[in-house]
Every structure is written in structure tokens, then in C-alpha cells.
Amino acid sequence: MMPFSDEELVNPVKESLKKTLPILERDGGGLEFLGIKQGVVYVHLVGACKGCAASGTTLKYGLERQLKIDIHPEISIINLDGGAQEFAKL
């Protein structure tokens, strides 16, 4: 159980994602932060990251790992291919 509200997590999550963003940008990719619902961070991978075979690994062992270190061990991250439209439906 996350001891933080979704609203409390927004700024710390954005700061944590900034740390790993250069990894994505180096390979011509990036991400859009969509929001947080029930302690789950939602992003939309863009550029070279969109559809990349290694994107799942990058998401879990790069971005999510950093979030767990910086914020809380139970936080998770999910890529929504549909971006903001898909996030709005959650």
C-alpha cells in the first residue's frame, strides 16, 4: 500500500523521471508523463522508444527501478500506447 496520495506523488515522480530521461533521449526516444492513479505511474513512450523491442525492459529496469529507489518500493510504471486519450479512459 502506497503511503502517499496520487497528488503527493506527482512532483517527486516527475523529478525521478528526469534522471532517467537522458537514457531515452540518447537513443532518439522520450516519454510523456500522463499522470498517476492509485500509485501507478502512467507514461507514453515516444520517438524511437515507441514500439522498440527493448522498451519494456527500459521501462521496468530503468524508469521503474529509479522510481522505486527515489520514492517507494511498491510504485510501478505503465506505458500507454494510446497516450492521454487512453489515460483519460482509466
PDB file of N, CA and C in Angstrom:
ATOM      1  N   MET A   1       0.846  -1.186   0.000  1.00  0.00           N
ATOM      2  CA  MET A   1       0.000   0.000   0.000  1.00  0.00           C
ATOM      3  C   MET A   1       0.889   1.247   0.000  1.00  0.00           C
ATOM      4  N   MET A   2       0.603   2.128  -0.922  1.00  0.00           N
ATOM      5  CA  MET A   2       1.382   3.360  -1.026  1.00  0.00           C
ATOM      6  C   MET A   2       0.975   4.321   0.089  1.00  0.00           C
ATOM      7  N   PRO A   3       1.945   4.861   0.814  1.00  0.00           N
ATOM      8  CA  PRO A   3       1.630   5.803   1.895  1.00  0.00           C
ATOM      9  C   PRO A   3       1.444   7.240   1.412  1.00  0.00           C
ATOM     10  N   PHE A   4       1.338   7.431   0.099  1.00  0.00           N
ATOM     11  CA  PHE A   4       1.198   8.765  -0.470  1.00  0.00           C
ATOM     12  C   PHE A   4      -0.038   8.824  -1.353  1.00  0.00           C
ATOM     13  N   SER A   5      -0.638  10.006  -1.440  1.00  0.00           N
ATOM     14  CA  SER A   5      -1.743  10.186  -2.379  1.00  0.00           C
ATOM     15  C   SER A   5      -1.150  10.375  -3.779  1.00  0.00           C
ATOM     16  N   ASP A   6      -1.977  10.186  -4.778  1.00  0.00           N
ATOM     17  CA  ASP A   6      -1.510  10.382  -6.148  1.00  0.00           C
ATOM     18  C   ASP A   6      -1.007  11.806  -6.351  1.00  0.00           C
ATOM     19  N   GLU A   7      -1.697  12.767  -5.751  1.00  0.00           N
ATOM     20  CA  GLU A   7      -1.299  14.176  -5.886  1.00  0.00           C
ATOM     21  C   GLU A   7       0.072  14.436  -5.256  1.00  0.00           C
ATOM     22  N   GLU A   8       0.343  13.788  -4.125  1.00  0.00           N
ATOM     23  CA  GLU A   8       1.639  13.959  -3.455  1.00  0.00           C
ATOM     24  C   GLU A   8       2.775  13.357  -4.275  1.00  0.00           C
ATOM     25  N   LEU A   9       2.472  12.404  -5.117  1.00  0.00           N
ATOM     26  CA  LEU A   9       3.499  11.712  -5.897  1.00  0.00           C
ATOM     27  C   LEU A   9       3.902  12.442  -7.177  1.00  0.00           C
ATOM     28  N   VAL A  10       3.064  13.324  -7.685  1.00  0.00           N
ATOM     29  CA  VAL A  10       3.301  13.930  -8.999  1.00  0.00           C
ATOM     30  C   VAL A  10       4.680  14.576  -9.109  1.00  0.00           C
ATOM     31  N   ASN A  11       5.007  15.513  -8.248  1.00  0.00           N
ATOM     32  CA  ASN A  11       6.298  16.202  -8.371  1.00  0.00           C
ATOM     33  C   ASN A  11       7.488  15.283  -8.133  1.00  0.00           C
ATOM     34  N   PRO A  12       7.481  14.424  -7.082  1.00  0.00           N
ATOM     35  CA  PRO A  12       8.608  13.505  -6.918  1.00  0.00           C
ATOM     36  C   PRO A  12       8.780  12.552  -8.109  1.00  0.00           C
ATOM     37  N   VAL A  13       7.684  12.107  -8.694  1.00  0.00           N
ATOM     38  CA  VAL A  13       7.770  11.214  -9.854  1.00  0.00           C
ATOM     39  C   VAL A  13       8.378  11.947 -11.041  1.00  0.00           C
ATOM     40  N   LYS A  14       7.930  13.160 -11.295  1.00  0.00           N
ATOM     41  CA  LYS A  14       8.485  13.929 -12.411  1.00  0.00           C
ATOM     42  C   LYS A  14       9.983  14.144 -12.237  1.00  0.00           C
ATOM     43  N   GLU A  15      10.413  14.434 -11.013  1.00  0.00           N
ATOM     44  CA  GLU A  15      11.845  14.632 -10.744  1.00  0.00           C
ATOM     45  C   GLU A  15      12.632  13.346 -10.958  1.00  0.00           C
ATOM     46  N   SER A  16      12.072  12.229 -10.529  1.00  0.00           N
ATOM     47  CA  SER A  16      12.735  10.948 -10.703  1.00  0.00           C
ATOM     48  C   SER A  16      12.838  10.589 -12.185  1.00  0.00           C
ATOM     49  N   LEU A  17      11.773  10.831 -12.943  1.00  0.00           N
ATOM     50  CA  LEU A  17      11.799  10.531 -14.373  1.00  0.00           C
ATOM     51  C   LEU A  17      12.827  11.385 -15.113  1.00  0.00           C
ATOM     52  N   LYS A  18      13.059  12.604 -14.637  1.00  0.00           N
ATOM     53  CA  LYS A  18      14.067  13.465 -15.255  1.00  0.00           C
ATOM     54  C   LYS A  18      15.452  12.831 -15.200  1.00  0.00           C
ATOM     55  N   LYS A  19      15.706  12.048 -14.145  1.00  0.00           N
ATOM     56  CA  LYS A  19      17.014  11.402 -14.003  1.00  0.00           C
ATOM     57  C   LYS A  19      17.272  10.377 -15.096  1.00  0.00           C
ATOM     58  N   THR A  20      16.221   9.685 -15.517  1.00  0.00           N
ATOM     59  CA  THR A  20      16.391   8.613 -16.499  1.00  0.00           C
ATOM     60  C   THR A  20      16.068   9.048 -17.927  1.00  0.00           C
ATOM     61  N   LEU A  21      15.501  10.218 -18.099  1.00  0.00           N
ATOM     62  CA  LEU A  21      15.145  10.710 -19.427  1.00  0.00           C
ATOM     63  C   LEU A  21      16.337  10.756 -20.388  1.00  0.00           C
ATOM     64  N   PRO A  22      17.530  11.141 -19.953  1.00  0.00           N
ATOM     65  CA  PRO A  22      18.667  11.150 -20.882  1.00  0.00           C
ATOM     66  C   PRO A  22      18.958   9.787 -21.510  1.00  0.00           C
ATOM     67  N   ILE A  23      18.652   8.711 -20.810  1.00  0.00           N
ATOM     68  CA  ILE A  23      18.850   7.364 -21.359  1.00  0.00           C
ATOM     69  C   ILE A  23      17.975   7.196 -22.600  1.00  0.00           C
ATOM     70  N   LEU A  24      16.736   7.639 -22.507  1.00  0.00           N
ATOM     71  CA  LEU A  24      15.809   7.530 -23.630  1.00  0.00           C
ATOM     72  C   LEU A  24      16.205   8.466 -24.765  1.00  0.00           C
ATOM     73  N   GLU A  25      16.563   9.681 -24.406  1.00  0.00           N
ATOM     74  CA  GLU A  25      16.897  10.693 -25.408  1.00  0.00           C
ATOM     75  C   GLU A  25      18.149  10.333 -26.209  1.00  0.00           C
ATOM     76  N   ARG A  26      19.097   9.655 -25.566  1.00  0.00           N
ATOM     77  CA  ARG A  26      20.327   9.242 -26.252  1.00  0.00           C
ATOM     78  C   ARG A  26      20.036   8.349 -27.453  1.00  0.00           C
ATOM     79  N   ASP A  27      18.951   7.585 -27.339  1.00  0.00           N
ATOM     80  CA  ASP A  27      18.587   6.671 -28.417  1.00  0.00           C
ATOM     81  C   ASP A  27      17.470   7.226 -29.298  1.00  0.00           C
ATOM     82  N   GLY A  28      17.197   8.515 -29.172  1.00  0.00           N
ATOM     83  CA  GLY A  28      16.186   9.138 -30.018  1.00  0.00           C
ATOM     84  C   GLY A  28      14.761   8.972 -29.530  1.00  0.00           C
ATOM     85  N   GLY A  29      14.614   8.641 -28.250  1.00  0.00           N
ATOM     86  CA  GLY A  29      13.278   8.444 -27.689  1.00  0.00           C
ATOM     87  C   GLY A  29      12.947   9.471 -26.639  1.00  0.00           C
ATOM     88  N   GLY A  30      11.865   9.225 -25.956  1.00  0.00           N
ATOM     89  CA  GLY A  30      11.432  10.100 -24.894  1.00  0.00           C
ATOM     90  C   GLY A  30      10.149   9.574 -24.285  1.00  0.00           C
ATOM     91  N   LEU A  31       9.555  10.372 -23.411  1.00  0.00           N
ATOM     92  CA  LEU A  31       8.298   9.968 -22.803  1.00  0.00           C
ATOM     93  C   LEU A  31       7.467  11.176 -22.444  1.00  0.00           C
ATOM     94  N   GLU A  32       6.178  10.951 -22.378  1.00  0.00           N
ATOM     95  CA  GLU A  32       5.238  11.952 -21.902  1.00  0.00           C
ATOM     96  C   GLU A  32       4.675  11.429 -20.589  1.00  0.00           C
ATOM     97  N   PHE A  33       4.748  12.226 -19.542  1.00  0.00           N
ATOM     98  CA  PHE A  33       4.140  11.871 -18.259  1.00  0.00           C
ATOM     99  C   PHE A  33       2.645  12.110 -18.391  1.00  0.00           C
ATOM    100  N   LEU A  34       1.843  11.070 -18.152  1.00  0.00           N
ATOM    101  CA  LEU A  34       0.396  11.187 -18.290  1.00  0.00           C
ATOM    102  C   LEU A  34      -0.299  11.441 -16.960  1.00  0.00           C
ATOM    103  N   GLY A  35       0.196  10.818 -15.892  1.00  0.00           N
ATOM    104  CA  GLY A  35      -0.411  11.003 -14.588  1.00  0.00           C
ATOM    105  C   GLY A  35      -0.208   9.791 -13.704  1.00  0.00           C
ATOM    106  N   ILE A  36      -0.862   9.835 -12.543  1.00  0.00           N
ATOM    107  CA  ILE A  36      -0.748   8.763 -11.554  1.00  0.00           C
ATOM    108  C   ILE A  36      -2.149   8.410 -11.075  1.00  0.00           C
ATOM    109  N   LYS A  37      -2.427   7.130 -11.031  1.00  0.00           N
ATOM    110  CA  LYS A  37      -3.707   6.652 -10.493  1.00  0.00           C
ATOM    111  C   LYS A  37      -3.425   5.464  -9.591  1.00  0.00           C
ATOM    112  N   GLN A  38      -3.854   5.591  -8.354  1.00  0.00           N
ATOM    113  CA  GLN A  38      -3.691   4.548  -7.338  1.00  0.00           C
ATOM    114  C   GLN A  38      -2.245   4.071  -7.229  1.00  0.00           C
ATOM    115  N   GLY A  39      -1.331   5.027  -7.246  1.00  0.00           N
ATOM    116  CA  GLY A  39       0.080   4.714  -7.069  1.00  0.00           C
ATOM    117  C   GLY A  39       0.770   4.130  -8.283  1.00  0.00           C
ATOM    118  N   VAL A  40       0.090   4.102  -9.413  1.00  0.00           N
ATOM    119  CA  VAL A  40       0.683   3.604 -10.653  1.00  0.00           C
ATOM    120  C   VAL A  40       0.966   4.808 -11.556  1.00  0.00           C
ATOM    121  N   VAL A  41       2.197   4.901 -12.028  1.00  0.00           N
ATOM    122  CA  VAL A  41       2.624   5.988 -12.895  1.00  0.00           C
ATOM    123  C   VAL A  41       2.346   5.576 -14.338  1.00  0.00           C
ATOM    124  N   TYR A  42       1.695   6.464 -15.079  1.00  0.00           N
ATOM    125  CA  TYR A  42       1.389   6.204 -16.482  1.00  0.00           C
ATOM    126  C   TYR A  42       2.171   7.166 -17.360  1.00  0.00           C
ATOM    127  N   VAL A  43       2.838   6.608 -18.363  1.00  0.00           N
ATOM    128  CA  VAL A  43       3.611   7.392 -19.316  1.00  0.00           C
ATOM    129  C   VAL A  43       3.262   6.937 -20.724  1.00  0.00           C
ATOM    130  N   HIS A  44       3.685   7.732 -21.691  1.00  0.00           N
ATOM    131  CA  HIS A  44       3.542   7.382 -23.100  1.00  0.00           C
ATOM    132  C   HIS A  44       4.923   7.491 -23.717  1.00  0.00           C
ATOM    133  N   LEU A  45       5.488   6.364 -24.109  1.00  0.00           N
ATOM    134  CA  LEU A  45       6.805   6.371 -24.746  1.00  0.00           C
ATOM    135  C   LEU A  45       6.665   6.916 -26.159  1.00  0.00           C
ATOM    136  N   VAL A  46       7.596   7.783 -26.545  1.00  0.00           N
ATOM    137  CA  VAL A  46       7.541   8.446 -27.853  1.00  0.00           C
ATOM    138  C   VAL A  46       8.882   8.306 -28.571  1.00  0.00           C
ATOM    139  N   GLY A  47       8.891   8.731 -29.826  1.00  0.00           N
ATOM    140  CA  GLY A  47      10.120   8.681 -30.613  1.00  0.00           C
ATOM    141  C   GLY A  47      10.562   7.245 -30.838  1.00  0.00           C
ATOM    142  N   ALA A  48      11.857   7.025 -30.775  1.00  0.00           N
ATOM    143  CA  ALA A  48      12.409   5.701 -31.020  1.00  0.00           C
ATOM    144  C   ALA A  48      11.972   4.681 -29.977  1.00  0.00           C
ATOM    145  N   CYS A  49      11.525   5.142 -28.810  1.00  0.00           N
ATOM    146  CA  CYS A  49      11.082   4.223 -27.751  1.00  0.00           C
ATOM    147  C   CYS A  49       9.737   3.584 -28.085  1.00  0.00           C
ATOM    148  N   LYS A  50       8.930   4.298 -28.860  1.00  0.00           N
ATOM    149  CA  LYS A  50       7.605   3.788 -29.207  1.00  0.00           C
ATOM    150  C   LYS A  50       7.756   2.564 -30.098  1.00  0.00           C
ATOM    151  N   GLY A  51       7.320   1.447 -29.610  1.00  0.00           N
ATOM    152  CA  GLY A  51       7.392   0.215 -30.384  1.00  0.00           C
ATOM    153  C   GLY A  51       8.734  -0.490 -30.341  1.00  0.00           C
ATOM    154  N   CYS A  52       9.701   0.053 -29.646  1.00  0.00           N
ATOM    155  CA  CYS A  52      11.019  -0.584 -29.546  1.00  0.00           C
ATOM    156  C   CYS A  52      10.910  -1.893 -28.766  1.00  0.00           C
ATOM    157  N   ALA A  53      11.579  -2.908 -29.240  1.00  0.00           N
ATOM    158  CA  ALA A  53      11.545  -4.216 -28.582  1.00  0.00           C
ATOM    159  C   ALA A  53      12.099  -4.161 -27.161  1.00  0.00           C
ATOM    160  N   ALA A  54      13.002  -3.239 -26.893  1.00  0.00           N
ATOM    161  CA  ALA A  54      13.616  -3.136 -25.562  1.00  0.00           C
ATOM    162  C   ALA A  54      12.860  -2.180 -24.639  1.00  0.00           C
ATOM    163  N   SER A  55      11.775  -1.584 -25.104  1.00  0.00           N
ATOM    164  CA  SER A  55      11.091  -0.579 -24.290  1.00  0.00           C
ATOM    165  C   SER A  55      10.538  -1.148 -22.986  1.00  0.00           C
ATOM    166  N   GLY A  56      10.074  -2.374 -22.986  1.00  0.00           N
ATOM    167  CA  GLY A  56       9.570  -2.991 -21.754  1.00  0.00           C
ATOM    168  C   GLY A  56      10.671  -3.142 -20.721  1.00  0.00           C
ATOM    169  N   THR A  57      11.844  -3.527 -21.172  1.00  0.00           N
ATOM    170  CA  THR A  57      12.990  -3.666 -20.278  1.00  0.00           C
ATOM    171  C   THR A  57      13.414  -2.313 -19.749  1.00  0.00           C
ATOM    172  N   THR A  58      13.464  -1.323 -20.624  1.00  0.00           N
ATOM    173  CA  THR A  58      13.821   0.037 -20.213  1.00  0.00           C
ATOM    174  C   THR A  58      12.830   0.558 -19.183  1.00  0.00           C
ATOM    175  N   LEU A  59      11.563   0.295 -19.409  1.00  0.00           N
ATOM    176  CA  LEU A  59      10.514   0.756 -18.506  1.00  0.00           C
ATOM    177  C   LEU A  59      10.685   0.153 -17.115  1.00  0.00           C
ATOM    178  N   LYS A  60      10.860  -1.159 -17.051  1.00  0.00           N
ATOM    179  CA  LYS A  60      10.920  -1.848 -15.756  1.00  0.00           C
ATOM    180  C   LYS A  60      12.274  -1.699 -15.057  1.00  0.00           C
ATOM    181  N   TYR A  61      13.349  -1.881 -15.810  1.00  0.00           N
ATOM    182  CA  TYR A  61      14.677  -1.911 -15.172  1.00  0.00           C
ATOM    183  C   TYR A  61      15.405  -0.579 -15.214  1.00  0.00           C
ATOM    184  N   GLY A  62      14.849   0.393 -15.881  1.00  0.00           N
ATOM    185  CA  GLY A  62      15.417   1.731 -15.895  1.00  0.00           C
ATOM    186  C   GLY A  62      14.528   2.693 -15.127  1.00  0.00           C
ATOM    187  N   LEU A  63      13.385   3.010 -15.718  1.00  0.00           N
ATOM    188  CA  LEU A  63      12.484   4.012 -15.132  1.00  0.00           C
ATOM    189  C   LEU A  63      11.860   3.544 -13.821  1.00  0.00           C
ATOM    190  N   GLU A  64      11.259   2.350 -13.822  1.00  0.00           N
ATOM    191  CA  GLU A  64      10.597   1.878 -12.598  1.00  0.00           C
ATOM    192  C   GLU A  64      11.596   1.640 -11.473  1.00  0.00           C
ATOM    193  N   ARG A  65      12.749   1.124 -11.820  1.00  0.00           N
ATOM    194  CA  ARG A  65      13.786   0.900 -10.798  1.00  0.00           C
ATOM    195  C   ARG A  65      14.161   2.207 -10.114  1.00  0.00           C
ATOM    196  N   GLN A  66      14.329   3.274 -10.911  1.00  0.00           N
ATOM    197  CA  GLN A  66      14.682   4.583 -10.339  1.00  0.00           C
ATOM    198  C   GLN A  66      13.545   5.118  -9.475  1.00  0.00           C
ATOM    199  N   LEU A  67      12.301   4.939  -9.908  1.00  0.00           N
ATOM    200  CA  LEU A  67      11.160   5.371  -9.105  1.00  0.00           C
ATOM    201  C   LEU A  67      11.129   4.645  -7.763  1.00  0.00           C
ATOM    202  N   LYS A  68      11.405   3.355  -7.779  1.00  0.00           N
ATOM    203  CA  LYS A  68      11.410   2.562  -6.543  1.00  0.00           C
ATOM    204  C   LYS A  68      12.509   3.036  -5.593  1.00  0.00           C
ATOM    205  N   ILE A  69      13.660   3.376  -6.136  1.00  0.00           N
ATOM    206  CA  ILE A  69      14.773   3.871  -5.323  1.00  0.00           C
ATOM    207  C   ILE A  69      14.432   5.241  -4.735  1.00  0.00           C
ATOM    208  N   ASP A  70      13.922   6.124  -5.584  1.00  0.00           N
ATOM    209  CA  ASP A  70      13.676   7.505  -5.181  1.00  0.00           C
ATOM    210  C   ASP A  70      12.433   7.690  -4.317  1.00  0.00           C
ATOM    211  N   ILE A  71      11.400   6.885  -4.534  1.00  0.00           N
ATOM    212  CA  ILE A  71      10.108   7.177  -3.915  1.00  0.00           C
ATOM    213  C   ILE A  71       9.601   6.083  -2.995  1.00  0.00           C
ATOM    214  N   HIS A  72       9.324   4.893  -3.540  1.00  0.00           N
ATOM    215  CA  HIS A  72       8.744   3.821  -2.719  1.00  0.00           C
ATOM    216  C   HIS A  72       8.874   2.498  -3.470  1.00  0.00           C
ATOM    217  N   PRO A  73       9.176   1.401  -2.761  1.00  0.00           N
ATOM    218  CA  PRO A  73       9.385   0.115  -3.433  1.00  0.00           C
ATOM    219  C   PRO A  73       8.139  -0.473  -4.102  1.00  0.00           C
ATOM    220  N   GLU A  74       6.970   0.035  -3.794  1.00  0.00           N
ATOM    221  CA  GLU A  74       5.749  -0.526  -4.384  1.00  0.00           C
ATOM    222  C   GLU A  74       5.243   0.256  -5.592  1.00  0.00           C
ATOM    223  N   ILE A  75       5.933   1.307  -5.972  1.00  0.00           N
ATOM    224  CA  ILE A  75       5.481   2.105  -7.116  1.00  0.00           C
ATOM    225  C   ILE A  75       5.734   1.333  -8.405  1.00  0.00           C
ATOM    226  N   SER A  76       4.865   1.522  -9.382  1.00  0.00           N
ATOM    227  CA  SER A  76       5.060   0.861 -10.669  1.00  0.00           C
ATOM    228  C   SER A  76       4.773   1.850 -11.790  1.00  0.00           C
ATOM    229  N   ILE A  77       5.171   1.474 -12.999  1.00  0.00           N
ATOM    230  CA  ILE A  77       5.009   2.347 -14.156  1.00  0.00           C
ATOM    231  C   ILE A  77       4.460   1.540 -15.315  1.00  0.00           C
ATOM    232  N   ILE A  78       3.568   2.157 -16.077  1.00  0.00           N
ATOM    233  CA  ILE A  78       2.945   1.502 -17.229  1.00  0.00           C
ATOM    234  C   ILE A  78       2.983   2.466 -18.411  1.00  0.00           C
ATOM    235  N   ASN A  79       3.344   1.930 -19.565  1.00  0.00           N
ATOM    236  CA  ASN A  79       3.304   2.698 -20.800  1.00  0.00           C
ATOM    237  C   ASN A  79       1.935   2.508 -21.445  1.00  0.00           C
ATOM    238  N   LEU A  80       1.300   3.606 -21.797  1.00  0.00           N
ATOM    239  CA  LEU A  80       0.031   3.547 -22.517  1.00  0.00           C
ATOM    240  C   LEU A  80       0.278   3.978 -23.958  1.00  0.00           C
ATOM    241  N   ASP A  81       0.156   3.049 -24.884  1.00  0.00           N
ATOM    242  CA  ASP A  81       0.402   3.365 -26.292  1.00  0.00           C
ATOM    243  C   ASP A  81      -0.574   4.413 -26.818  1.00  0.00           C
ATOM    244  N   GLY A  82      -1.766   4.477 -26.232  1.00  0.00           N
ATOM    245  CA  GLY A  82      -2.775   5.442 -26.667  1.00  0.00           C
ATOM    246  C   GLY A  82      -2.599   6.819 -26.069  1.00  0.00           C
ATOM    247  N   GLY A  83      -1.588   7.017 -25.247  1.00  0.00           N
ATOM    248  CA  GLY A  83      -1.284   8.319 -24.676  1.00  0.00           C
ATOM    249  C   GLY A  83      -2.390   8.889 -23.788  1.00  0.00           C
ATOM    250  N   ALA A  84      -2.576  10.194 -23.865  1.00  0.00           N
ATOM    251  CA  ALA A  84      -3.516  10.903 -22.995  1.00  0.00           C
ATOM    252  C   ALA A  84      -4.951  10.426 -23.179  1.00  0.00           C
ATOM    253  N   GLN A  85      -5.319  10.069 -24.397  1.00  0.00           N
ATOM    254  CA  GLN A  85      -6.679   9.581 -24.637  1.00  0.00           C
ATOM    255  C   GLN A  85      -6.938   8.288 -23.879  1.00  0.00           C
ATOM    256  N   GLU A  86      -5.971   7.394 -23.892  1.00  0.00           N
ATOM    257  CA  GLU A  86      -6.116   6.121 -23.177  1.00  0.00           C
ATOM    258  C   GLU A  86      -6.110   6.364 -21.667  1.00  0.00           C
ATOM    259  N   PHE A  87      -5.255   7.292 -21.188  1.00  0.00           N
ATOM    260  CA  PHE A  87      -5.199   7.600 -19.765  1.00  0.00           C
ATOM    261  C   PHE A  87      -6.528   8.163 -19.275  1.00  0.00           C
ATOM    262  N   ALA A  88      -7.169   8.982 -20.085  1.00  0.00           N
ATOM    263  CA  ALA A  88      -8.455   9.599 -19.711  1.00  0.00           C
ATOM    264  C   ALA A  88      -9.552   8.559 -19.512  1.00  0.00           C
ATOM    265  N   LYS A  89      -9.403   7.404 -20.127  1.00  0.00           N
ATOM    266  CA  LYS A  89     -10.411   6.341 -20.023  1.00  0.00           C
ATOM    267  C   LYS A  89     -10.240   5.471 -18.774  1.00  0.00           C
ATOM    268  N   LEU A  90      -9.114   5.609 -18.105  1.00  0.00           N
ATOM    269  CA  LEU A  90      -8.853   4.772 -16.919  1.00  0.00           C
ATOM    270  C   LEU A  90      -9.730   5.189 -15.750  1.00  0.00           C
TER     271      LEU A  90
END
